Amino acid sequence: MKNSLGDLNNHLFAQLERLSDEDIKGDELKEEIERAKAVTTVANQIISNGTLVLQAQKFHTEYKSKDLHKPKMLEG
Protein backbone atom coordinates (compact mmCIF):
# COMPACT_ATOMS: atom_id res chain seq x y z
CA MET A 1 0.00 0.00 0.00
CA LYS A 2 1.19 3.49 -0.79
CA ASN A 3 0.60 6.63 1.20
CA SER A 4 -0.78 9.44 -0.94
CA LEU A 5 -4.20 11.00 -1.25
CA GLY A 6 -4.20 9.88 -4.88
CA ASP A 7 -3.77 6.29 -3.71
CA LEU A 8 -6.58 6.77 -1.20
CA ASN A 9 -8.80 8.06 -3.99
CA ASN A 10 -7.96 4.99 -6.09
CA HIS A 11 -8.84 2.68 -3.19
CA LEU A 12 -12.17 4.45 -2.66
CA PHE A 13 -13.10 4.15 -6.33
CA ALA A 14 -12.06 0.48 -6.35
CA GLN A 15 -14.32 -0.09 -3.34
CA LEU A 16 -17.17 1.68 -5.13
CA GLU A 17 -16.67 -0.59 -8.15
CA ARG A 18 -16.82 -3.70 -5.93
CA LEU A 19 -20.03 -2.46 -4.33
CA SER A 20 -21.50 -1.80 -7.79
CA ASP A 21 -20.80 -5.34 -9.00
CA GLU A 22 -24.26 -6.80 -9.65
CA ASP A 23 -22.89 -10.35 -9.46
CA ILE A 24 -22.13 -9.99 -5.75
CA LYS A 25 -25.08 -11.16 -3.66
CA GLY A 26 -25.96 -12.52 -0.24
CA ASP A 27 -23.18 -13.04 2.29
CA GLU A 28 -20.51 -11.91 -0.15
CA LEU A 29 -22.35 -8.58 -0.57
CA LYS A 30 -22.72 -8.22 3.21
CA GLU A 31 -18.97 -8.77 3.61
CA GLU A 32 -18.23 -6.19 0.94
CA ILE A 33 -20.53 -3.68 2.63
CA GLU A 34 -18.72 -4.24 5.95
CA ARG A 35 -15.37 -3.81 4.20
CA ALA A 36 -16.64 -0.57 2.62
CA LYS A 37 -17.65 0.74 6.05
CA ALA A 38 -14.17 0.00 7.40
CA VAL A 39 -12.48 1.61 4.39
CA THR A 40 -14.69 4.68 4.77
CA THR A 41 -13.87 5.01 8.46
CA VAL A 42 -10.12 4.85 7.82
CA ALA A 43 -10.38 7.18 4.80
CA ASN A 44 -12.24 9.77 6.89
CA GLN A 45 -9.48 9.68 9.51
CA ILE A 46 -6.80 10.12 6.85
CA ILE A 47 -8.68 13.06 5.34
CA SER A 48 -9.22 14.64 8.77
CA ASN A 49 -5.54 14.29 9.55
CA GLY A 50 -4.61 15.86 6.21
CA THR A 51 -6.97 18.75 6.90
CA LEU A 52 -5.39 19.32 10.30
CA VAL A 53 -1.87 19.31 8.84
CA LEU A 54 -2.96 21.77 6.13
CA GLN A 55 -4.53 24.09 8.70
CA ALA A 56 -1.39 23.95 10.83
CA GLN A 57 0.77 24.75 7.80
CA LYS A 58 -1.44 27.72 6.91
CA PHE A 59 -1.24 28.98 10.49
CA HIS A 60 2.53 28.56 10.53
CA THR A 61 2.88 30.41 7.21
CA GLU A 62 0.61 33.26 8.33
CA TYR A 63 2.20 33.77 11.76
CA LYS A 64 5.75 32.70 10.99
CA SER A 65 8.28 33.99 13.49
CA LYS A 66 11.62 32.93 14.90
CA ASP A 67 9.93 31.71 18.08
CA LEU A 68 7.31 29.60 16.30
CA HIS A 69 8.56 26.12 15.56
CA LYS A 70 6.83 23.65 13.26
CA PRO A 71 5.53 20.46 14.84
CA LYS A 72 7.60 17.44 13.81
CA MET A 73 4.75 16.06 11.68
CA LEU A 74 4.99 19.15 9.44
CA GLU A 75 8.72 18.94 8.93
CA GLY A 76 10.01 17.76 5.58
C-alpha atoms as a PDB file:
ATOM      1  CA  MET A   1       0.000   0.000   0.000  1.00  0.00           C
ATOM      2  CA  LYS A   2       1.193   3.486  -0.788  1.00  0.00           C
ATOM      3  CA  ASN A   3       0.597   6.630   1.198  1.00  0.00           C
ATOM      4  CA  SER A   4      -0.776   9.439  -0.944  1.00  0.00           C
ATOM      5  CA  LEU A   5      -4.199  11.004  -1.249  1.00  0.00           C
ATOM      6  CA  GLY A   6      -4.201   9.883  -4.878  1.00  0.00           C
ATOM      7  CA  ASP A   7      -3.769   6.291  -3.710  1.00  0.00           C
ATOM      8  CA  LEU A   8      -6.578   6.770  -1.202  1.00  0.00           C
ATOM      9  CA  ASN A   9      -8.800   8.064  -3.991  1.00  0.00           C
ATOM     10  CA  ASN A  10      -7.964   4.991  -6.091  1.00  0.00           C
ATOM     11  CA  HIS A  11      -8.839   2.681  -3.187  1.00  0.00           C
ATOM     12  CA  LEU A  12     -12.165   4.445  -2.663  1.00  0.00           C
ATOM     13  CA  PHE A  13     -13.104   4.152  -6.328  1.00  0.00           C
ATOM     14  CA  ALA A  14     -12.061   0.485  -6.354  1.00  0.00           C
ATOM     15  CA  GLN A  15     -14.315  -0.087  -3.341  1.00  0.00           C
ATOM     16  CA  LEU A  16     -17.168   1.676  -5.126  1.00  0.00           C
ATOM     17  CA  GLU A  17     -16.671  -0.587  -8.147  1.00  0.00           C
ATOM     18  CA  ARG A  18     -16.818  -3.701  -5.934  1.00  0.00           C
ATOM     19  CA  LEU A  19     -20.033  -2.464  -4.331  1.00  0.00           C
ATOM     20  CA  SER A  20     -21.497  -1.799  -7.788  1.00  0.00           C
ATOM     21  CA  ASP A  21     -20.803  -5.338  -8.999  1.00  0.00           C
ATOM     22  CA  GLU A  22     -24.262  -6.802  -9.651  1.00  0.00           C
ATOM     23  CA  ASP A  23     -22.892 -10.354  -9.464  1.00  0.00           C
ATOM     24  CA  ILE A  24     -22.134  -9.992  -5.747  1.00  0.00           C
ATOM     25  CA  LYS A  25     -25.081 -11.162  -3.658  1.00  0.00           C
ATOM     26  CA  GLY A  26     -25.961 -12.518  -0.238  1.00  0.00           C
ATOM     27  CA  ASP A  27     -23.177 -13.036   2.286  1.00  0.00           C
ATOM     28  CA  GLU A  28     -20.515 -11.906  -0.154  1.00  0.00           C
ATOM     29  CA  LEU A  29     -22.345  -8.578  -0.572  1.00  0.00           C
ATOM     30  CA  LYS A  30     -22.721  -8.217   3.209  1.00  0.00           C
ATOM     31  CA  GLU A  31     -18.968  -8.768   3.613  1.00  0.00           C
ATOM     32  CA  GLU A  32     -18.226  -6.187   0.937  1.00  0.00           C
ATOM     33  CA  ILE A  33     -20.527  -3.677   2.634  1.00  0.00           C
ATOM     34  CA  GLU A  34     -18.718  -4.241   5.953  1.00  0.00           C
ATOM     35  CA  ARG A  35     -15.366  -3.808   4.196  1.00  0.00           C
ATOM     36  CA  ALA A  36     -16.638  -0.574   2.616  1.00  0.00           C
ATOM     37  CA  LYS A  37     -17.649   0.745   6.047  1.00  0.00           C
ATOM     38  CA  ALA A  38     -14.165   0.000   7.396  1.00  0.00           C
ATOM     39  CA  VAL A  39     -12.476   1.612   4.391  1.00  0.00           C
ATOM     40  CA  THR A  40     -14.690   4.684   4.765  1.00  0.00           C
ATOM     41  CA  THR A  41     -13.866   5.008   8.460  1.00  0.00           C
ATOM     42  CA  VAL A  42     -10.116   4.854   7.816  1.00  0.00           C
ATOM     43  CA  ALA A  43     -10.381   7.183   4.803  1.00  0.00           C
ATOM     44  CA  ASN A  44     -12.244   9.769   6.886  1.00  0.00           C
ATOM     45  CA  GLN A  45      -9.484   9.682   9.509  1.00  0.00           C
ATOM     46  CA  ILE A  46      -6.801  10.123   6.848  1.00  0.00           C
ATOM     47  CA  ILE A  47      -8.678  13.056   5.341  1.00  0.00           C
ATOM     48  CA  SER A  48      -9.223  14.640   8.775  1.00  0.00           C
ATOM     49  CA  ASN A  49      -5.535  14.291   9.552  1.00  0.00           C
ATOM     50  CA  GLY A  50      -4.605  15.855   6.213  1.00  0.00           C
ATOM     51  CA  THR A  51      -6.968  18.750   6.896  1.00  0.00           C
ATOM     52  CA  LEU A  52      -5.393  19.322  10.304  1.00  0.00           C
ATOM     53  CA  VAL A  53      -1.875  19.314   8.835  1.00  0.00           C
ATOM     54  CA  LEU A  54      -2.961  21.765   6.128  1.00  0.00           C
ATOM     55  CA  GLN A  55      -4.528  24.095   8.704  1.00  0.00           C
ATOM     56  CA  ALA A  56      -1.390  23.954  10.833  1.00  0.00           C
ATOM     57  CA  GLN A  57       0.770  24.755   7.804  1.00  0.00           C
ATOM     58  CA  LYS A  58      -1.438  27.716   6.908  1.00  0.00           C
ATOM     59  CA  PHE A  59      -1.235  28.979  10.494  1.00  0.00           C
ATOM     60  CA  HIS A  60       2.528  28.565  10.526  1.00  0.00           C
ATOM     61  CA  THR A  61       2.881  30.415   7.214  1.00  0.00           C
ATOM     62  CA  GLU A  62       0.614  33.256   8.332  1.00  0.00           C
ATOM     63  CA  TYR A  63       2.204  33.767  11.757  1.00  0.00           C
ATOM     64  CA  LYS A  64       5.751  32.699  10.994  1.00  0.00           C
ATOM     65  CA  SER A  65       8.277  33.992  13.491  1.00  0.00           C
ATOM     66  CA  LYS A  66      11.617  32.926  14.897  1.00  0.00           C
ATOM     67  CA  ASP A  67       9.929  31.713  18.084  1.00  0.00           C
ATOM     68  CA  LEU A  68       7.315  29.600  16.303  1.00  0.00           C
ATOM     69  CA  HIS A  69       8.559  26.115  15.556  1.00  0.00           C
ATOM     70  CA  LYS A  70       6.828  23.653  13.261  1.00  0.00           C
ATOM     71  CA  PRO A  71       5.529  20.461  14.836  1.00  0.00           C
ATOM     72  CA  LYS A  72       7.603  17.436  13.810  1.00  0.00           C
ATOM     73  CA  MET A  73       4.746  16.063  11.683  1.00  0.00           C
ATOM     74  CA  LEU A  74       4.985  19.155   9.441  1.00  0.00           C
ATOM     75  CA  GLU A  75       8.721  18.939   8.926  1.00  0.00           C
ATOM     76  CA  GLY A  76      10.009  17.765   5.584  1.00  0.00           C
END
